[in-house]
C-alpha atoms as a PDB file:
ATOM      1  CA  MET A   1      49.219  32.619  30.508  1.00  0.00           C
ATOM      2  CA  LYS A   2      50.516  35.610  32.466  1.00  0.00           C
ATOM      3  CA  LYS A   3      47.290  37.524  31.667  1.00  0.00           C
ATOM      4  CA  ILE A   4      45.194  34.667  32.985  1.00  0.00           C
ATOM      5  CA  LEU A   5      47.197  34.450  36.216  1.00  0.00           C
ATOM      6  CA  GLY A   6      46.979  38.201  36.670  1.00  0.00           C
ATOM      7  CA  LEU A   7      43.184  38.201  36.253  1.00  0.00           C
ATOM      8  CA  PHE A   8      42.878  35.322  38.762  1.00  0.00           C
ATOM      9  CA  PHE A   9      44.983  37.292  41.266  1.00  0.00           C
ATOM     10  CA  LEU A  10      42.778  40.366  40.952  1.00  0.00           C
ATOM     11  CA  ILE A  11      39.565  38.341  41.465  1.00  0.00           C
ATOM     12  CA  THR A  12      41.041  36.660  44.562  1.00  0.00           C
ATOM     13  CA  VAL A  13      42.038  39.991  46.104  1.00  0.00           C
ATOM     14  CA  SER A  14      38.596  41.483  45.391  1.00  0.00           C
ATOM     15  CA  ILE A  15      36.801  38.570  47.103  1.00  0.00           C
ATOM     16  CA  LYS A  16      38.978  38.862  50.200  1.00  0.00           C
ATOM     17  CA  ALA A  17      38.431  42.596  50.336  1.00  0.00           C
ATOM     18  CA  SER A  18      34.667  42.278  50.098  1.00  0.00           C
ATOM     19  CA  GLY A  19      34.607  39.784  52.966  1.00  0.00           C
ATOM     20  CA  SER A  20      36.577  42.001  55.323  1.00  0.00           C
ATOM     21  CA  GLU A  21      35.442  45.498  54.440  1.00  0.00           C
ATOM     22  CA  GLU A  22      32.008  47.161  54.418  1.00  0.00           C
ATOM     23  CA  ILE A  23      31.400  49.525  51.563  1.00  0.00           C
ATOM     24  CA  VAL A  24      29.467  52.603  52.738  1.00  0.00           C
ATOM     25  CA  VAL A  25      27.712  54.784  50.180  1.00  0.00           C
ATOM     26  CA  PRO A  26      26.420  58.205  51.269  1.00  0.00           C
ATOM     27  CA  ASP A  27      22.636  58.584  51.238  1.00  0.00           C
ATOM     28  CA  ASN A  28      22.733  61.395  48.710  1.00  0.00           C
ATOM     29  CA  GLU A  29      24.505  59.102  46.228  1.00  0.00           C
ATOM     30  CA  LEU A  30      21.915  56.320  46.374  1.00  0.00           C
ATOM     31  CA  THR A  31      19.643  56.173  43.364  1.00  0.00           C
ATOM     32  CA  THR A  32      15.940  56.606  43.945  1.00  0.00           C
ATOM     33  CA  GLU A  33      15.249  53.214  42.369  1.00  0.00           C
ATOM     34  CA  VAL A  34      16.940  51.337  45.215  1.00  0.00           C
ATOM     35  CA  SER A  35      16.254  53.713  48.112  1.00  0.00           C
ATOM     36  CA  LEU A  36      13.367  53.159  50.525  1.00  0.00           C
ATOM     37  CA  PRO A  37      11.273  56.215  51.431  1.00  0.00           C
ATOM     38  CA  LYS A  38      12.075  57.910  54.700  1.00  0.00           C
ATOM     39  CA  LEU A  39       9.007  58.786  56.747  1.00  0.00           C
ATOM     40  CA  ASP A  40       9.189  61.845  58.963  1.00  0.00           C
ATOM     41  CA  TYR A  41       6.494  60.436  61.263  1.00  0.00           C
ATOM     42  CA  PRO A  42       6.458  56.620  60.991  1.00  0.00           C
ATOM     43  CA  LEU A  43       4.125  56.243  64.007  1.00  0.00           C
ATOM     44  CA  ALA A  44       1.379  58.075  62.128  1.00  0.00           C
ATOM     45  CA  VAL A  45       1.310  55.247  59.605  1.00  0.00           C
ATOM     46  CA  LYS A  46       1.117  52.502  62.217  1.00  0.00           C
ATOM     47  CA  LYS A  47      -1.315  54.207  64.580  1.00  0.00           C
ATOM     48  CA  SER A  48      -5.056  53.777  64.088  1.00  0.00           C
ATOM     49  CA  ASN A  49      -6.928  57.044  63.536  1.00  0.00           C
ATOM     50  CA  ILE A  50     -10.168  55.541  64.858  1.00  0.00           C
ATOM     51  CA  THR A  51     -10.554  54.260  68.400  1.00  0.00           C
ATOM     52  CA  PHE A  52     -13.227  51.595  68.876  1.00  0.00           C
ATOM     53  CA  LYS A  53     -13.009  50.025  72.329  1.00  0.00           C
ATOM     54  CA  ASP A  54     -15.846  50.986  74.735  1.00  0.00           C
ATOM     55  CA  ARG A  55     -17.534  53.209  72.138  1.00  0.00           C
ATOM     56  CA  TYR A  56     -21.088  53.140  70.822  1.00  0.00           C
ATOM     57  CA  GLU A  57     -22.092  53.444  67.197  1.00  0.00           C
ATOM     58  CA  MET A  58     -25.506  54.452  65.825  1.00  0.00           C
ATOM     59  CA  GLY A  59     -26.506  53.912  62.206  1.00  0.00           C
ATOM     60  CA  LEU A  60     -29.315  54.394  59.696  1.00  0.00           C
ATOM     61  CA  PHE A  61     -29.541  52.077  56.697  1.00  0.00           C
ATOM     62  CA  TRP A  62     -31.455  50.961  53.626  1.00  0.00           C
ATOM     63  CA  GLY A  63     -31.552  47.290  52.674  1.00  0.00           C
ATOM     64  CA  SER A  64     -32.967  44.832  50.186  1.00  0.00           C
ATOM     65  CA  ASN A  65     -33.531  41.079  49.873  1.00  0.00           C
ATOM     66  CA  PHE A  66     -32.386  40.343  46.327  1.00  0.00           C
ATOM     67  CA  THR A  67     -33.928  36.860  46.262  1.00  0.00           C
ATOM     68  CA  GLU A  68     -37.456  37.705  47.464  1.00  0.00           C
ATOM     69  CA  PRO A  69     -39.970  37.048  44.612  1.00  0.00           C
ATOM     70  CA  ILE A  70     -43.321  37.861  46.291  1.00  0.00           C
ATOM     71  CA  TYR A  71     -43.007  40.291  49.191  1.00  0.00           C
ATOM     72  CA  ALA A  72     -41.610  43.820  48.704  1.00  0.00           C
ATOM     73  CA  PRO A  73     -37.824  43.416  49.105  1.00  0.00           C
ATOM     74  CA  SER A  74     -36.791  46.851  50.445  1.00  0.00           C
ATOM     75  CA  LYS A  75     -36.458  48.005  54.045  1.00  0.00           C
ATOM     76  CA  ILE A  76     -35.138  50.858  56.162  1.00  0.00           C
ATOM     77  CA  GLY A  77     -33.755  50.518  59.651  1.00  0.00           C
ATOM     78  CA  ILE A  78     -31.647  51.653  62.569  1.00  0.00           C
ATOM     79  CA  ASP A  79     -28.893  49.858  64.448  1.00  0.00           C
ATOM     80  CA  LEU A  80     -26.924  50.419  67.642  1.00  0.00           C
ATOM     81  CA  SER A  81     -23.481  48.891  68.209  1.00  0.00           C
ATOM     82  CA  TYR A  82     -21.203  48.534  71.200  1.00  0.00           C
ATOM     83  CA  HIS A  83     -17.492  47.977  70.532  1.00  0.00           C
ATOM     84  CA  ASN A  84     -16.334  45.740  73.369  1.00  0.00           C
ATOM     85  CA  SER A  85     -12.789  45.731  71.950  1.00  0.00           C
ATOM     86  CA  GLU A  86     -10.773  47.139  69.077  1.00  0.00           C
ATOM     87  CA  LYS A  87     -11.597  44.030  67.024  1.00  0.00           C
ATOM     88  CA  SER A  88     -15.180  43.080  67.868  1.00  0.00           C
ATOM     89  CA  SER A  89     -18.613  44.572  68.514  1.00  0.00           C
ATOM     90  CA  TRP A  90     -22.214  43.635  69.343  1.00  0.00           C
ATOM     91  CA  VAL A  91     -25.027  45.066  67.234  1.00  0.00           C
ATOM     92  CA  PHE A  92     -28.791  45.404  67.713  1.00  0.00           C
ATOM     93  CA  SER A  93     -30.734  46.123  64.529  1.00  0.00           C
ATOM     94  CA  TYR A  94     -34.389  46.927  63.837  1.00  0.00           C
ATOM     95  CA  SER A  95     -35.803  47.351  60.338  1.00  0.00           C
ATOM     96  CA  GLN A  96     -39.198  48.043  58.814  1.00  0.00           C
ATOM     97  CA  TRP A  97     -39.977  46.350  55.512  1.00  0.00           C
ATOM     98  CA  GLN A  98     -41.550  48.342  52.723  1.00  0.00           C
ATOM     99  CA  GLY A  99     -44.794  46.376  52.832  1.00  0.00           C
ATOM    100  CA  GLY A 100     -46.873  45.225  49.913  1.00  0.00           C
ATOM    101  CA  LEU A 101     -45.706  42.953  47.117  1.00  0.00           C
ATOM    102  CA  ASN A 102     -42.777  42.759  44.736  1.00  0.00           C
ATOM    103  CA  SER A 103     -43.888  44.920  41.808  1.00  0.00           C
ATOM    104  CA  GLN A 104     -41.314  43.345  39.503  1.00  0.00           C
ATOM    105  CA  TYR A 105     -42.485  39.730  39.691  1.00  0.00           C
ATOM    106  CA  VAL A 106     -45.950  39.471  41.272  1.00  0.00           C
ATOM    107  CA  PRO A 107     -48.020  41.052  38.451  1.00  0.00           C
ATOM    108  CA  GLY A 108     -46.592  38.564  35.968  1.00  0.00           C
ATOM    109  CA  ILE A 109     -47.255  35.608  38.265  1.00  0.00           C
ATOM    110  CA  GLU A 110     -50.813  36.717  38.951  1.00  0.00           C
ATOM    111  CA  ASP A 111     -51.650  37.488  35.317  1.00  0.00           C
ATOM    112  CA  GLN A 112     -50.060  34.447  33.725  1.00  0.00           C
ATOM    113  CA  GLY A 113     -51.642  31.827  35.958  1.00  0.00           C
ATOM    114  CA  GLN A 114     -48.367  30.257  37.032  1.00  0.00           C
ATOM    115  CA  ILE A 115     -49.702  28.548  40.171  1.00  0.00           C
ATOM    116  CA  GLY A 116     -52.408  26.307  38.748  1.00  0.00           C
ATOM    117  CA  GLY A 117     -55.419  28.375  37.670  1.00  0.00           C
ATOM    118  CA  THR A 118     -56.687  30.556  34.880  1.00  0.00           C
ATOM    119  CA  SER A 119     -54.842  33.706  33.963  1.00  0.00           C
ATOM    120  CA  GLY A 120     -55.371  36.756  36.150  1.00  0.00           C
ATOM    121  CA  ASP A 121     -57.425  35.222  38.975  1.00  0.00           C
ATOM    122  CA  TYR A 122     -54.855  35.296  41.812  1.00  0.00           C
ATOM    123  CA  ASP A 123     -54.401  37.870  44.528  1.00  0.00           C
ATOM    124  CA  PHE A 124     -51.292  37.686  46.722  1.00  0.00           C
ATOM    125  CA  ASN A 125     -52.739  40.441  48.918  1.00  0.00           C
ATOM    126  CA  ARG A 126     -54.642  37.621  50.599  1.00  0.00           C
ATOM    127  CA  ALA A 127     -51.349  36.348  52.037  1.00  0.00           C
ATOM    128  CA  PRO A 128     -49.768  37.613  55.295  1.00  0.00           C
ATOM    129  CA  ARG A 129     -47.556  40.686  54.961  1.00  0.00           C
ATOM    130  CA  LEU A 130     -43.851  40.961  55.754  1.00  0.00           C
ATOM    131  CA  THR A 131     -43.637  43.739  58.352  1.00  0.00           C
ATOM    132  CA  ASN A 132     -40.376  44.058  60.313  1.00  0.00           C
ATOM    133  CA  ALA A 133     -37.207  42.369  61.530  1.00  0.00           C
ATOM    134  CA  MET A 134     -35.088  42.431  64.698  1.00  0.00           C
ATOM    135  CA  TRP A 135     -31.515  41.154  64.707  1.00  0.00           C
ATOM    136  CA  GLY A 136     -28.570  40.731  67.023  1.00  0.00           C
ATOM    137  CA  TYR A 137     -25.127  40.536  65.368  1.00  0.00           C
ATOM    138  CA  TYR A 138     -21.584  39.827  66.429  1.00  0.00           C
ATOM    139  CA  ASN A 139     -19.026  41.589  64.239  1.00  0.00           C
ATOM    140  CA  LEU A 140     -15.407  40.417  64.152  1.00  0.00           C
ATOM    141  CA  LYS A 141     -12.904  42.729  62.482  1.00  0.00           C
ATOM    142  CA  LEU A 142     -10.615  41.115  59.933  1.00  0.00           C
ATOM    143  CA  TYR A 143      -8.653  44.140  58.756  1.00  0.00           C
ATOM    144  CA  TYR A 144      -8.181  47.815  59.561  1.00  0.00           C
ATOM    145  CA  GLY A 145      -6.429  50.013  57.036  1.00  0.00           C
ATOM    146  CA  LYS A 146      -6.110  53.500  55.568  1.00  0.00           C
ATOM    147  CA  ILE A 147      -6.273  55.004  52.117  1.00  0.00           C
ATOM    148  CA  SER A 148      -5.440  58.569  51.150  1.00  0.00           C
ATOM    149  CA  ILE A 149      -8.236  60.281  49.223  1.00  0.00           C
ATOM    150  CA  ALA A 150      -6.519  63.687  49.124  1.00  0.00           C
ATOM    151  CA  LYS A 151      -3.162  65.188  50.052  1.00  0.00           C
ATOM    152  CA  LYS A 152      -4.168  65.788  53.668  1.00  0.00           C
ATOM    153  CA  ASN A 153      -7.226  63.547  54.035  1.00  0.00           C
ATOM    154  CA  THR A 154      -7.267  59.857  54.923  1.00  0.00           C
ATOM    155  CA  MET A 155     -10.157  57.395  54.818  1.00  0.00           C
ATOM    156  CA  ASN A 156     -10.097  54.558  57.343  1.00  0.00           C
ATOM    157  CA  LEU A 157     -11.284  51.076  56.361  1.00  0.00           C
ATOM    158  CA  SER A 158     -12.701  48.341  58.576  1.00  0.00           C
ATOM    159  CA  LEU A 159     -13.445  44.926  57.033  1.00  0.00           C
ATOM    160  CA  TYR A 160     -15.356  42.458  59.226  1.00  0.00           C
ATOM    161  CA  THR A 161     -17.351  39.254  59.301  1.00  0.00           C
ATOM    162  CA  GLN A 162     -20.846  39.168  60.785  1.00  0.00           C
ATOM    163  CA  TYR A 163     -22.867  36.456  62.550  1.00  0.00           C
ATOM    164  CA  GLY A 164     -26.484  37.043  63.507  1.00  0.00           C
ATOM    165  CA  ALA A 165     -29.734  35.679  64.928  1.00  0.00           C
ATOM    166  CA  GLY A 166     -33.114  37.369  64.855  1.00  0.00           C
ATOM    167  CA  LEU A 167     -36.848  37.394  64.245  1.00  0.00           C
ATOM    168  CA  ILE A 168     -38.677  38.126  60.967  1.00  0.00           C
ATOM    169  CA  GLY A 169     -42.135  39.600  61.582  1.00  0.00           C
ATOM    170  CA  PHE A 170     -45.279  38.966  59.539  1.00  0.00           C
ATOM    171  CA  THR A 171     -48.788  40.249  60.177  1.00  0.00           C
ATOM    172  CA  HIS A 172     -49.758  37.094  62.099  1.00  0.00           C
ATOM    173  CA  LYS A 173     -46.506  35.786  63.681  1.00  0.00           C
ATOM    174  CA  SER A 174     -42.708  36.049  63.859  1.00  0.00           C
ATOM    175  CA  TYR A 175     -40.184  33.524  62.554  1.00  0.00           C
ATOM    176  CA  PRO A 176     -36.642  32.782  63.808  1.00  0.00           C
ATOM    177  CA  ALA A 177     -33.708  33.460  61.521  1.00  0.00           C
ATOM    178  CA  VAL A 178     -29.912  33.162  61.403  1.00  0.00           C
ATOM    179  CA  SER A 179     -27.388  34.804  59.112  1.00  0.00           C
ATOM    180  CA  VAL A 180     -23.719  35.111  58.216  1.00  0.00           C
ATOM    181  CA  GLY A 181     -22.128  37.882  56.196  1.00  0.00           C
ATOM    182  CA  VAL A 182     -19.311  40.310  55.563  1.00  0.00           C
ATOM    183  CA  GLY A 183     -19.187  44.104  55.804  1.00  0.00           C
ATOM    184  CA  GLN A 184     -16.968  47.060  55.017  1.00  0.00           C
ATOM    185  CA  LYS A 185     -17.047  50.378  56.879  1.00  0.00           C
ATOM    186  CA  PHE A 186     -15.453  53.580  55.629  1.00  0.00           C
ATOM    187  CA  TYR A 187     -14.672  56.119  58.358  1.00  0.00           C
ATOM    188  CA  PHE A 188     -14.051  59.701  57.245  1.00  0.00           C
ATOM    189  CA  ASN A 189     -13.065  60.775  60.760  1.00  0.00           C
ATOM    190  CA  ASN A 190     -13.305  59.576  64.358  1.00  0.00           C
ATOM    191  CA  SER A 191     -17.076  60.088  64.494  1.00  0.00           C
ATOM    192  CA  PHE A 192     -18.668  59.550  61.041  1.00  0.00           C
ATOM    193  CA  GLY A 193     -18.620  56.919  58.333  1.00  0.00           C
ATOM    194  CA  VAL A 194     -20.637  54.758  55.940  1.00  0.00           C
ATOM    195  CA  LYS A 195     -21.059  51.001  55.628  1.00  0.00           C
ATOM    196  CA  ALA A 196     -21.909  48.282  53.108  1.00  0.00           C
ATOM    197  CA  GLU A 197     -22.939  44.766  54.195  1.00  0.00           C
ATOM    198  CA  VAL A 198     -23.989  41.607  52.397  1.00  0.00           C
ATOM    199  CA  ARG A 199     -25.223  38.501  54.183  1.00  0.00           C
ATOM    200  CA  LEU A 200     -26.845  35.148  53.598  1.00  0.00           C
ATOM    201  CA  GLN A 201     -29.798  34.528  55.898  1.00  0.00           C
ATOM    202  CA  TYR A 202     -31.932  31.466  56.598  1.00  0.00           C
ATOM    203  CA  ALA A 203     -35.349  32.508  57.862  1.00  0.00           C
ATOM    204  CA  GLY A 204     -38.936  31.395  58.209  1.00  0.00           C
ATOM    205  CA  GLU A 205     -41.852  32.978  56.397  1.00  0.00           C
ATOM    206  CA  ALA A 206     -45.503  32.427  55.570  1.00  0.00           C
ATOM    207  CA  ASN A 207     -45.574  30.548  52.279  1.00  0.00           C
ATOM    208  CA  PRO A 208     -47.679  32.805  49.999  1.00  0.00           C
ATOM    209  CA  PHE A 209     -48.441  29.978  47.557  1.00  0.00           C
ATOM    210  CA  LEU A 210     -51.536  28.698  49.332  1.00  0.00           C
ATOM    211  CA  GLY A 211     -53.082  25.587  47.772  1.00  0.00           C
ATOM    212  CA  ASN A 212     -56.703  24.565  47.142  1.00  0.00           C
ATOM    213  CA  ASP A 213     -57.278  27.643  44.938  1.00  0.00           C
ATOM    214  CA  LYS A 214     -57.716  29.839  48.025  1.00  0.00           C
ATOM    215  CA  LEU A 215     -55.702  32.646  46.444  1.00  0.00           C
ATOM    216  CA  LYS A 216     -58.295  33.004  43.704  1.00  0.00           C
ATOM    217  CA  LYS A 217     -60.232  36.239  43.775  1.00  0.00           C
ATOM    218  CA  ASN A 218     -63.581  34.442  43.592  1.00  0.00           C
ATOM    219  CA  GLN A 219     -62.900  32.461  46.793  1.00  0.00           C
ATOM    220  CA  PRO A 220     -63.441  33.555  50.416  1.00  0.00           C
ATOM    221  CA  VAL A 221     -60.422  35.288  51.923  1.00  0.00           C
ATOM    222  CA  PRO A 222     -58.389  32.631  53.777  1.00  0.00           C
ATOM    223  CA  SER A 223     -57.287  33.094  57.386  1.00  0.00           C
ATOM    224  CA  PHE A 224     -53.567  33.634  57.997  1.00  0.00           C
ATOM    225  CA  SER A 225     -53.386  30.382  59.982  1.00  0.00           C
ATOM    226  CA  GLU A 226     -53.977  28.462  56.744  1.00  0.00           C
ATOM    227  CA  PHE A 227     -50.639  29.553  55.287  1.00  0.00           C
ATOM    228  CA  GLU A 228     -47.930  27.028  56.053  1.00  0.00           C
ATOM    229  CA  ASP A 229     -44.524  27.942  57.482  1.00  0.00           C
ATOM    230  CA  LYS A 230     -41.581  27.752  55.131  1.00  0.00           C
ATOM    231  CA  TYR A 231     -37.835  28.237  55.707  1.00  0.00           C
ATOM    232  CA  ARG A 232     -35.534  29.367  52.920  1.00  0.00           C
ATOM    233  CA  PHE A 233     -32.377  31.322  52.158  1.00  0.00           C
ATOM    234  CA  GLY A 234     -32.268  35.002  51.290  1.00  0.00           C
ATOM    235  CA  THR A 235     -29.508  37.378  50.157  1.00  0.00           C
ATOM    236  CA  ILE A 236     -29.538  40.691  52.035  1.00  0.00           C
ATOM    237  CA  PHE A 237     -27.639  43.834  51.040  1.00  0.00           C
ATOM    238  CA  GLU A 238     -27.479  46.979  53.200  1.00  0.00           C
ATOM    239  CA  LEU A 239     -26.070  50.485  52.777  1.00  0.00           C
ATOM    240  CA  GLY A 240     -25.973  52.970  55.633  1.00  0.00           C
ATOM    241  CA  ALA A 241     -24.469  55.923  57.458  1.00  0.00           C
ATOM    242  CA  LEU A 242     -23.046  55.669  60.990  1.00  0.00           C
ATOM    243  CA  TRP A 243     -22.003  57.916  63.842  1.00  0.00           C
ATOM    244  CA  MET A 244     -19.522  57.015  66.594  1.00  0.00           C
ATOM    245  CA  LEU A 245     -20.527  58.185  70.072  1.00  0.00           C
END
């Protein structure tokens, strides 16, 4: 019984002592498992390496429409951006499509007679050609961050959403289009970087599947006005290099 009372007394004294006294442990005695790192220059971590506001950005890019079955899906282009704030920018983009037809799918469609005729008697070269595109985008930054790629080198990341409207050009007319997407830019320094963008676009085009057997090689070449307008979705992917001015 005396041992129990003695243990109770010691616990009571310890609780009172802990409530009234602050135990201070020297820094050099703290274990590394429970110590937070001390940064010599904490502002360098918080501060953005790249300034955006009131700066222009010029870029060159390659792109592709992954869901285009008939027209050649690749393009090259140039864009010019103006950063109106640290978090948003306006972009003008012009691209030139490769021209011609999709070499992966069109030969099989033409040779196998998949649009209502005998095998091998179609020619999609009779259809209007996809030529160019002009777009205006609004980019809204979601996240800016940094990653260290070497001991003394840091890559800066900028993740953003993108909203656009533009015109898709064919040999006989242009069609309106809208898009929404997301992009990631990687800045190696305050003036150079690369980008990757993916977007979903809804755009008009000349429907290449012309009826009444007018795509057959033994028929007179149809006029472009005979091809009906069609609106559909496309998936666009772009890779490019950029320079901050």
